[in-house]
Amino acid sequence: MIGKAYSGLSDGEIEELTEHFTEHTLSQRGSVRTVTPNIVLEIAFDSIQASQRHDSGLALRFPRIKAIRRDKGVDEIDTLTYARKLAGK
């Protein structure tokens, strides 16, 4: 976990992703789902800072969903190593 982004999608995109994640749920505990990782979202944020709240040790400040990246596969996502580099760690 590095952050939670809730804003940035249209109503249609929210409906589409809700259906997709419902269909690809591996497990569910309360309102938290573990899903098959097969969607790439582009997340915009103001900065990255150290955090004791997240297991990653980092937190995105003011994250928002910028785009559903249909042109990218999960093998092309940025890694926690890259996020640490952006944070100067």
PDB file of N, CA and C in Angstrom:
ATOM      1  N   MET A   1       0.843  -1.173   0.000  1.00  0.00           N
ATOM      2  CA  MET A   1       0.000   0.000   0.000  1.00  0.00           C
ATOM      3  C   MET A   1       0.889   1.237   0.000  1.00  0.00           C
ATOM      4  N   ILE A   2       0.557   2.154  -0.887  1.00  0.00           N
ATOM      5  CA  ILE A   2       1.280   3.424  -0.961  1.00  0.00           C
ATOM      6  C   ILE A   2       0.303   4.595  -0.951  1.00  0.00           C
ATOM      7  N   GLY A   3      -0.966   4.314  -1.118  1.00  0.00           N
ATOM      8  CA  GLY A   3      -1.984   5.360  -1.092  1.00  0.00           C
ATOM      9  C   GLY A   3      -3.308   4.847  -1.603  1.00  0.00           C
ATOM     10  N   LYS A   4      -4.327   5.667  -1.417  1.00  0.00           N
ATOM     11  CA  LYS A   4      -5.665   5.338  -1.896  1.00  0.00           C
ATOM     12  C   LYS A   4      -6.170   6.508  -2.720  1.00  0.00           C
ATOM     13  N   ALA A   5      -6.534   6.235  -3.956  1.00  0.00           N
ATOM     14  CA  ALA A   5      -7.038   7.276  -4.851  1.00  0.00           C
ATOM     15  C   ALA A   5      -8.522   7.016  -5.100  1.00  0.00           C
ATOM     16  N   TYR A   6      -9.324   8.014  -4.828  1.00  0.00           N
ATOM     17  CA  TYR A   6     -10.775   7.857  -4.961  1.00  0.00           C
ATOM     18  C   TYR A   6     -11.392   8.721  -6.045  1.00  0.00           C
ATOM     19  N   SER A   7     -10.710   9.750  -6.465  1.00  0.00           N
ATOM     20  CA  SER A   7     -11.317  10.685  -7.409  1.00  0.00           C
ATOM     21  C   SER A   7     -10.641  10.609  -8.768  1.00  0.00           C
ATOM     22  N   GLY A   8     -11.301  11.168  -9.766  1.00  0.00           N
ATOM     23  CA  GLY A   8     -10.708  11.274 -11.085  1.00  0.00           C
ATOM     24  C   GLY A   8     -11.405  10.503 -12.182  1.00  0.00           C
ATOM     25  N   LEU A   9     -12.338   9.615 -11.825  1.00  0.00           N
ATOM     26  CA  LEU A   9     -13.033   8.812 -12.838  1.00  0.00           C
ATOM     27  C   LEU A   9     -14.434   9.350 -13.099  1.00  0.00           C
ATOM     28  N   SER A  10     -14.913   9.138 -14.306  1.00  0.00           N
ATOM     29  CA  SER A  10     -16.296   9.479 -14.634  1.00  0.00           C
ATOM     30  C   SER A  10     -17.223   8.422 -14.032  1.00  0.00           C
ATOM     31  N   ASP A  11     -18.512   8.716 -13.974  1.00  0.00           N
ATOM     32  CA  ASP A  11     -19.475   7.737 -13.467  1.00  0.00           C
ATOM     33  C   ASP A  11     -19.435   6.451 -14.287  1.00  0.00           C
ATOM     34  N   GLY A  12     -19.304   6.585 -15.606  1.00  0.00           N
ATOM     35  CA  GLY A  12     -19.234   5.407 -16.478  1.00  0.00           C
ATOM     36  C   GLY A  12     -18.003   4.559 -16.193  1.00  0.00           C
ATOM     37  N   GLU A  13     -16.872   5.208 -15.965  1.00  0.00           N
ATOM     38  CA  GLU A  13     -15.647   4.473 -15.658  1.00  0.00           C
ATOM     39  C   GLU A  13     -15.755   3.771 -14.304  1.00  0.00           C
ATOM     40  N   ILE A  14     -16.386   4.422 -13.331  1.00  0.00           N
ATOM     41  CA  ILE A  14     -16.589   3.796 -12.029  1.00  0.00           C
ATOM     42  C   ILE A  14     -17.462   2.554 -12.167  1.00  0.00           C
ATOM     43  N   GLU A  15     -18.525   2.641 -12.934  1.00  0.00           N
ATOM     44  CA  GLU A  15     -19.394   1.474 -13.160  1.00  0.00           C
ATOM     45  C   GLU A  15     -18.618   0.351 -13.840  1.00  0.00           C
ATOM     46  N   GLU A  16     -17.838   0.706 -14.852  1.00  0.00           N
ATOM     47  CA  GLU A  16     -17.042  -0.293 -15.585  1.00  0.00           C
ATOM     48  C   GLU A  16     -16.053  -0.992 -14.661  1.00  0.00           C
ATOM     49  N   LEU A  17     -15.321  -0.226 -13.857  1.00  0.00           N
ATOM     50  CA  LEU A  17     -14.331  -0.823 -12.969  1.00  0.00           C
ATOM     51  C   LEU A  17     -14.979  -1.612 -11.843  1.00  0.00           C
ATOM     52  N   THR A  18     -16.112  -1.136 -11.340  1.00  0.00           N
ATOM     53  CA  THR A  18     -16.827  -1.879 -10.296  1.00  0.00           C
ATOM     54  C   THR A  18     -17.214  -3.258 -10.816  1.00  0.00           C
ATOM     55  N   GLU A  19     -17.762  -3.309 -12.017  1.00  0.00           N
ATOM     56  CA  GLU A  19     -18.136  -4.596 -12.618  1.00  0.00           C
ATOM     57  C   GLU A  19     -16.899  -5.473 -12.831  1.00  0.00           C
ATOM     58  N   HIS A  20     -15.833  -4.869 -13.348  1.00  0.00           N
ATOM     59  CA  HIS A  20     -14.601  -5.625 -13.603  1.00  0.00           C
ATOM     60  C   HIS A  20     -14.041  -6.212 -12.303  1.00  0.00           C
ATOM     61  N   PHE A  21     -13.938  -5.382 -11.261  1.00  0.00           N
ATOM     62  CA  PHE A  21     -13.355  -5.853 -10.005  1.00  0.00           C
ATOM     63  C   PHE A  21     -14.260  -6.879  -9.320  1.00  0.00           C
ATOM     64  N   THR A  22     -15.558  -6.735  -9.463  1.00  0.00           N
ATOM     65  CA  THR A  22     -16.490  -7.721  -8.910  1.00  0.00           C
ATOM     66  C   THR A  22     -16.263  -9.084  -9.574  1.00  0.00           C
ATOM     67  N   GLU A  23     -16.112  -9.065 -10.893  1.00  0.00           N
ATOM     68  CA  GLU A  23     -15.900 -10.302 -11.644  1.00  0.00           C
ATOM     69  C   GLU A  23     -14.529 -10.928 -11.361  1.00  0.00           C
ATOM     70  N   HIS A  24     -13.551 -10.120 -10.978  1.00  0.00           N
ATOM     71  CA  HIS A  24     -12.181 -10.604 -10.790  1.00  0.00           C
ATOM     72  C   HIS A  24     -11.755 -10.630  -9.325  1.00  0.00           C
ATOM     73  N   THR A  25     -12.729 -10.724  -8.419  1.00  0.00           N
ATOM     74  CA  THR A  25     -12.425 -10.777  -6.988  1.00  0.00           C
ATOM     75  C   THR A  25     -11.903 -12.161  -6.610  1.00  0.00           C
ATOM     76  N   LEU A  26     -10.760 -12.184  -5.943  1.00  0.00           N
ATOM     77  CA  LEU A  26     -10.171 -13.431  -5.447  1.00  0.00           C
ATOM     78  C   LEU A  26     -10.637 -13.710  -4.023  1.00  0.00           C
ATOM     79  N   SER A  27     -10.734 -12.640  -3.222  1.00  0.00           N
ATOM     80  CA  SER A  27     -11.236 -12.766  -1.855  1.00  0.00           C
ATOM     81  C   SER A  27     -11.801 -11.418  -1.426  1.00  0.00           C
ATOM     82  N   GLN A  28     -12.651 -11.480  -0.400  1.00  0.00           N
ATOM     83  CA  GLN A  28     -13.261 -10.250   0.096  1.00  0.00           C
ATOM     84  C   GLN A  28     -13.384 -10.329   1.606  1.00  0.00           C
ATOM     85  N   ARG A  29     -12.984  -9.242   2.272  1.00  0.00           N
ATOM     86  CA  ARG A  29     -13.124  -9.131   3.717  1.00  0.00           C
ATOM     87  C   ARG A  29     -13.759  -7.778   3.993  1.00  0.00           C
ATOM     88  N   GLY A  30     -15.035  -7.797   4.344  1.00  0.00           N
ATOM     89  CA  GLY A  30     -15.775  -6.548   4.492  1.00  0.00           C
ATOM     90  C   GLY A  30     -15.872  -5.860   3.142  1.00  0.00           C
ATOM     91  N   SER A  31     -15.484  -4.603   3.097  1.00  0.00           N
ATOM     92  CA  SER A  31     -15.529  -3.866   1.830  1.00  0.00           C
ATOM     93  C   SER A  31     -14.204  -3.927   1.071  1.00  0.00           C
ATOM     94  N   VAL A  32     -13.224  -4.660   1.609  1.00  0.00           N
ATOM     95  CA  VAL A  32     -11.903  -4.757   0.978  1.00  0.00           C
ATOM     96  C   VAL A  32     -11.837  -6.015   0.115  1.00  0.00           C
ATOM     97  N   ARG A  33     -11.492  -5.821  -1.155  1.00  0.00           N
ATOM     98  CA  ARG A  33     -11.380  -6.942  -2.089  1.00  0.00           C
ATOM     99  C   ARG A  33      -9.930  -7.132  -2.512  1.00  0.00           C
ATOM    100  N   THR A  34      -9.546  -8.371  -2.678  1.00  0.00           N
ATOM    101  CA  THR A  34      -8.302  -8.705  -3.354  1.00  0.00           C
ATOM    102  C   THR A  34      -8.715  -9.160  -4.737  1.00  0.00           C
ATOM    103  N   VAL A  35      -8.177  -8.511  -5.759  1.00  0.00           N
ATOM    104  CA  VAL A  35      -8.594  -8.799  -7.130  1.00  0.00           C
ATOM    105  C   VAL A  35      -7.411  -9.248  -7.970  1.00  0.00           C
ATOM    106  N   THR A  36      -7.708  -9.906  -9.063  1.00  0.00           N
ATOM    107  CA  THR A  36      -6.684 -10.269 -10.032  1.00  0.00           C
ATOM    108  C   THR A  36      -6.059  -8.977 -10.556  1.00  0.00           C
ATOM    109  N   PRO A  37      -4.742  -8.851 -10.490  1.00  0.00           N
ATOM    110  CA  PRO A  37      -4.100  -7.605 -10.937  1.00  0.00           C
ATOM    111  C   PRO A  37      -3.981  -7.551 -12.459  1.00  0.00           C
ATOM    112  N   ASN A  38      -5.011  -7.036 -13.116  1.00  0.00           N
ATOM    113  CA  ASN A  38      -4.991  -6.995 -14.574  1.00  0.00           C
ATOM    114  C   ASN A  38      -5.482  -5.667 -15.153  1.00  0.00           C
ATOM    115  N   ILE A  39      -5.543  -4.635 -14.333  1.00  0.00           N
ATOM    116  CA  ILE A  39      -5.918  -3.284 -14.765  1.00  0.00           C
ATOM    117  C   ILE A  39      -4.798  -2.340 -14.339  1.00  0.00           C
ATOM    118  N   VAL A  40      -4.413  -1.434 -15.226  1.00  0.00           N
ATOM    119  CA  VAL A  40      -3.408  -0.429 -14.892  1.00  0.00           C
ATOM    120  C   VAL A  40      -4.092   0.930 -14.812  1.00  0.00           C
ATOM    121  N   LEU A  41      -3.921   1.598 -13.680  1.00  0.00           N
ATOM    122  CA  LEU A  41      -4.447   2.946 -13.491  1.00  0.00           C
ATOM    123  C   LEU A  41      -3.274   3.909 -13.378  1.00  0.00           C
ATOM    124  N   GLU A  42      -3.377   5.044 -14.032  1.00  0.00           N
ATOM    125  CA  GLU A  42      -2.368   6.087 -13.890  1.00  0.00           C
ATOM    126  C   GLU A  42      -2.805   6.986 -12.742  1.00  0.00           C
ATOM    127  N   ILE A  43      -1.935   7.150 -11.761  1.00  0.00           N
ATOM    128  CA  ILE A  43      -2.247   7.930 -10.572  1.00  0.00           C
ATOM    129  C   ILE A  43      -1.402   9.195 -10.568  1.00  0.00           C
ATOM    130  N   ALA A  44      -2.059  10.339 -10.455  1.00  0.00           N
ATOM    131  CA  ALA A  44      -1.359  11.613 -10.290  1.00  0.00           C
ATOM    132  C   ALA A  44      -1.309  11.910  -8.796  1.00  0.00           C
ATOM    133  N   PHE A  45      -0.277  12.628  -8.370  1.00  0.00           N
ATOM    134  CA  PHE A  45      -0.142  12.968  -6.949  1.00  0.00           C
ATOM    135  C   PHE A  45       0.752  14.195  -6.827  1.00  0.00           C
ATOM    136  N   ASP A  46       0.697  14.841  -5.667  1.00  0.00           N
ATOM    137  CA  ASP A  46       1.496  16.048  -5.457  1.00  0.00           C
ATOM    138  C   ASP A  46       2.917  15.737  -5.028  1.00  0.00           C
ATOM    139  N   SER A  47       3.088  14.740  -4.175  1.00  0.00           N
ATOM    140  CA  SER A  47       4.423  14.360  -3.719  1.00  0.00           C
ATOM    141  C   SER A  47       4.358  12.995  -3.053  1.00  0.00           C
ATOM    142  N   ILE A  48       5.533  12.468  -2.749  1.00  0.00           N
ATOM    143  CA  ILE A  48       5.640  11.215  -2.000  1.00  0.00           C
ATOM    144  C   ILE A  48       6.407  11.535  -0.724  1.00  0.00           C
ATOM    145  N   GLN A  49       5.921  11.002   0.382  1.00  0.00           N
ATOM    146  CA  GLN A  49       6.611  11.242   1.651  1.00  0.00           C
ATOM    147  C   GLN A  49       6.710   9.953   2.448  1.00  0.00           C
ATOM    148  N   ALA A  50       7.592   9.959   3.418  1.00  0.00           N
ATOM    149  CA  ALA A  50       7.724   8.816   4.315  1.00  0.00           C
ATOM    150  C   ALA A  50       6.439   8.647   5.111  1.00  0.00           C
ATOM    151  N   SER A  51       6.073   7.388   5.408  1.00  0.00           N
ATOM    152  CA  SER A  51       4.837   7.115   6.137  1.00  0.00           C
ATOM    153  C   SER A  51       5.003   5.872   6.993  1.00  0.00           C
ATOM    154  N   GLN A  52       4.567   5.959   8.230  1.00  0.00           N
ATOM    155  CA  GLN A  52       4.527   4.779   9.092  1.00  0.00           C
ATOM    156  C   GLN A  52       3.178   4.082   8.980  1.00  0.00           C
ATOM    157  N   ARG A  53       2.219   4.714   8.327  1.00  0.00           N
ATOM    158  CA  ARG A  53       0.874   4.160   8.171  1.00  0.00           C
ATOM    159  C   ARG A  53       0.835   3.024   7.151  1.00  0.00           C
ATOM    160  N   HIS A  54       1.626   3.145   6.082  1.00  0.00           N
ATOM    161  CA  HIS A  54       1.611   2.154   5.003  1.00  0.00           C
ATOM    162  C   HIS A  54       2.809   1.218   5.119  1.00  0.00           C
ATOM    163  N   ASP A  55       2.581  -0.058   4.812  1.00  0.00           N
ATOM    164  CA  ASP A  55       3.650  -1.060   4.864  1.00  0.00           C
ATOM    165  C   ASP A  55       4.825  -0.720   3.952  1.00  0.00           C
ATOM    166  N   SER A  56       4.550   0.013   2.879  1.00  0.00           N
ATOM    167  CA  SER A  56       5.617   0.381   1.941  1.00  0.00           C
ATOM    168  C   SER A  56       6.592   1.388   2.546  1.00  0.00           C
ATOM    169  N   GLY A  57       6.168   2.088   3.598  1.00  0.00           N
ATOM    170  CA  GLY A  57       6.998   3.135   4.181  1.00  0.00           C
ATOM    171  C   GLY A  57       6.860   4.463   3.463  1.00  0.00           C
ATOM    172  N   LEU A  58       5.962   4.511   2.480  1.00  0.00           N
ATOM    173  CA  LEU A  58       5.738   5.718   1.688  1.00  0.00           C
ATOM    174  C   LEU A  58       4.243   6.025   1.603  1.00  0.00           C
ATOM    175  N   ALA A  59       3.939   7.287   1.338  1.00  0.00           N
ATOM    176  CA  ALA A  59       2.549   7.683   1.105  1.00  0.00           C
ATOM    177  C   ALA A  59       2.505   8.729  -0.004  1.00  0.00           C
ATOM    178  N   LEU A  60       1.554   8.553  -0.906  1.00  0.00           N
ATOM    179  CA  LEU A  60       1.319   9.564  -1.934  1.00  0.00           C
ATOM    180  C   LEU A  60       0.483  10.674  -1.313  1.00  0.00           C
ATOM    181  N   ARG A  61       0.842  11.928  -1.583  1.00  0.00           N
ATOM    182  CA  ARG A  61       0.043  13.052  -1.103  1.00  0.00           C
ATOM    183  C   ARG A  61      -0.952  13.458  -2.180  1.00  0.00           C
ATOM    184  N   PHE A  62      -2.211  13.496  -1.816  1.00  0.00           N
ATOM    185  CA  PHE A  62      -3.316  13.889  -2.690  1.00  0.00           C
ATOM    186  C   PHE A  62      -3.372  13.076  -3.994  1.00  0.00           C
ATOM    187  N   PRO A  63      -3.411  11.729  -3.878  1.00  0.00           N
ATOM    188  CA  PRO A  63      -3.492  10.906  -5.091  1.00  0.00           C
ATOM    189  C   PRO A  63      -4.871  10.992  -5.744  1.00  0.00           C
ATOM    190  N   ARG A  64      -4.901  10.931  -7.054  1.00  0.00           N
ATOM    191  CA  ARG A  64      -6.147  10.900  -7.815  1.00  0.00           C
ATOM    192  C   ARG A  64      -5.915  10.086  -9.078  1.00  0.00           C
ATOM    193  N   ILE A  65      -6.952   9.424  -9.519  1.00  0.00           N
ATOM    194  CA  ILE A  65      -6.846   8.592 -10.721  1.00  0.00           C
ATOM    195  C   ILE A  65      -6.867   9.508 -11.931  1.00  0.00           C
ATOM    196  N   LYS A  66      -5.832   9.428 -12.723  1.00  0.00           N
ATOM    197  CA  LYS A  66      -5.723  10.272 -13.911  1.00  0.00           C
ATOM    198  C   LYS A  66      -6.310   9.584 -15.141  1.00  0.00           C
ATOM    199  N   ALA A  67      -6.069   8.266 -15.256  1.00  0.00           N
ATOM    200  CA  ALA A  67      -6.541   7.548 -16.443  1.00  0.00           C
ATOM    201  C   ALA A  67      -6.517   6.049 -16.215  1.00  0.00           C
ATOM    202  N   ILE A  68      -7.404   5.359 -16.922  1.00  0.00           N
ATOM    203  CA  ILE A  68      -7.322   3.907 -17.041  1.00  0.00           C
ATOM    204  C   ILE A  68      -6.395   3.667 -18.228  1.00  0.00           C
ATOM    205  N   ARG A  69      -5.272   3.009 -18.007  1.00  0.00           N
ATOM    206  CA  ARG A  69      -4.279   2.828 -19.060  1.00  0.00           C
ATOM    207  C   ARG A  69      -4.504   1.497 -19.771  1.00  0.00           C
ATOM    208  N   ARG A  70      -5.415   1.513 -20.714  1.00  0.00           N
ATOM    209  CA  ARG A  70      -5.737   0.306 -21.481  1.00  0.00           C
ATOM    210  C   ARG A  70      -4.583  -0.111 -22.394  1.00  0.00           C
ATOM    211  N   ASP A  71      -3.667   0.829 -22.640  1.00  0.00           N
ATOM    212  CA  ASP A  71      -2.513   0.555 -23.503  1.00  0.00           C
ATOM    213  C   ASP A  71      -1.349  -0.077 -22.755  1.00  0.00           C
ATOM    214  N   LYS A  72      -1.469  -0.248 -21.445  1.00  0.00           N
ATOM    215  CA  LYS A  72      -0.380  -0.785 -20.625  1.00  0.00           C
ATOM    216  C   LYS A  72      -0.782  -2.102 -19.986  1.00  0.00           C
ATOM    217  N   GLY A  73       0.181  -2.990 -19.851  1.00  0.00           N
ATOM    218  CA  GLY A  73      -0.027  -4.239 -19.137  1.00  0.00           C
ATOM    219  C   GLY A  73       0.555  -4.128 -17.741  1.00  0.00           C
ATOM    220  N   VAL A  74       0.171  -5.046 -16.858  1.00  0.00           N
ATOM    221  CA  VAL A  74       0.662  -4.982 -15.482  1.00  0.00           C
ATOM    222  C   VAL A  74       2.177  -5.182 -15.395  1.00  0.00           C
ATOM    223  N   ASP A  75       2.773  -5.761 -16.429  1.00  0.00           N
ATOM    224  CA  ASP A  75       4.225  -5.923 -16.439  1.00  0.00           C
ATOM    225  C   ASP A  75       4.950  -4.601 -16.716  1.00  0.00           C
ATOM    226  N   GLU A  76       4.193  -3.531 -17.008  1.00  0.00           N
ATOM    227  CA  GLU A  76       4.779  -2.227 -17.312  1.00  0.00           C
ATOM    228  C   GLU A  76       4.576  -1.188 -16.210  1.00  0.00           C
ATOM    229  N   ILE A  77       4.018  -1.604 -15.071  1.00  0.00           N
ATOM    230  CA  ILE A  77       3.738  -0.634 -14.019  1.00  0.00           C
ATOM    231  C   ILE A  77       5.019  -0.200 -13.312  1.00  0.00           C
ATOM    232  N   ASP A  78       4.941   0.985 -12.691  1.00  0.00           N
ATOM    233  CA  ASP A  78       6.057   1.436 -11.865  1.00  0.00           C
ATOM    234  C   ASP A  78       6.090   0.607 -10.595  1.00  0.00           C
ATOM    235  N   THR A  79       7.268   0.461 -10.043  1.00  0.00           N
ATOM    236  CA  THR A  79       7.472  -0.384  -8.870  1.00  0.00           C
ATOM    237  C   THR A  79       7.666   0.463  -7.615  1.00  0.00           C
ATOM    238  N   LEU A  80       7.637  -0.206  -6.474  1.00  0.00           N
ATOM    239  CA  LEU A  80       7.920   0.459  -5.210  1.00  0.00           C
ATOM    240  C   LEU A  80       9.357   0.998  -5.211  1.00  0.00           C
ATOM    241  N   THR A  81      10.262   0.302  -5.866  1.00  0.00           N
ATOM    242  CA  THR A  81      11.644   0.773  -5.992  1.00  0.00           C
ATOM    243  C   THR A  81      11.683   2.129  -6.691  1.00  0.00           C
ATOM    244  N   TYR A  82      10.895   2.264  -7.751  1.00  0.00           N
ATOM    245  CA  TYR A  82      10.830   3.539  -8.473  1.00  0.00           C
ATOM    246  C   TYR A  82      10.198   4.622  -7.594  1.00  0.00           C
ATOM    247  N   ALA A  83       9.175   4.276  -6.839  1.00  0.00           N
ATOM    248  CA  ALA A  83       8.537   5.242  -5.943  1.00  0.00           C
ATOM    249  C   ALA A  83       9.528   5.720  -4.886  1.00  0.00           C
ATOM    250  N   ARG A  84      10.335   4.823  -4.373  1.00  0.00           N
ATOM    251  CA  ARG A  84      11.361   5.204  -3.387  1.00  0.00           C
ATOM    252  C   ARG A  84      12.386   6.160  -4.025  1.00  0.00           C
ATOM    253  N   LYS A  85      12.733   5.896  -5.280  1.00  0.00           N
ATOM    254  CA  LYS A  85      13.650   6.784  -5.991  1.00  0.00           C
ATOM    255  C   LYS A  85      13.032   8.172  -6.137  1.00  0.00           C
ATOM    256  N   LEU A  86      11.757   8.246  -6.496  1.00  0.00           N
ATOM    257  CA  LEU A  86      11.076   9.542  -6.616  1.00  0.00           C
ATOM    258  C   LEU A  86      11.055  10.284  -5.273  1.00  0.00           C
ATOM    259  N   ALA A  87      10.936   9.523  -4.185  1.00  0.00           N
ATOM    260  CA  ALA A  87      10.895  10.117  -2.855  1.00  0.00           C
ATOM    261  C   ALA A  87      12.285  10.464  -2.328  1.00  0.00           C
ATOM    262  N   GLY A  88      13.320  10.102  -3.081  1.00  0.00           N
ATOM    263  CA  GLY A  88      14.677  10.386  -2.655  1.00  0.00           C
ATOM    264  C   GLY A  88      15.188   9.424  -1.597  1.00  0.00           C
ATOM    265  N   LYS A  89      14.638   8.222  -1.596  1.00  0.00           N
ATOM    266  CA  LYS A  89      15.025   7.202  -0.598  1.00  0.00           C
ATOM    267  C   LYS A  89      15.960   6.187  -1.222  1.00  0.00           C
TER     268      LYS A  89
END
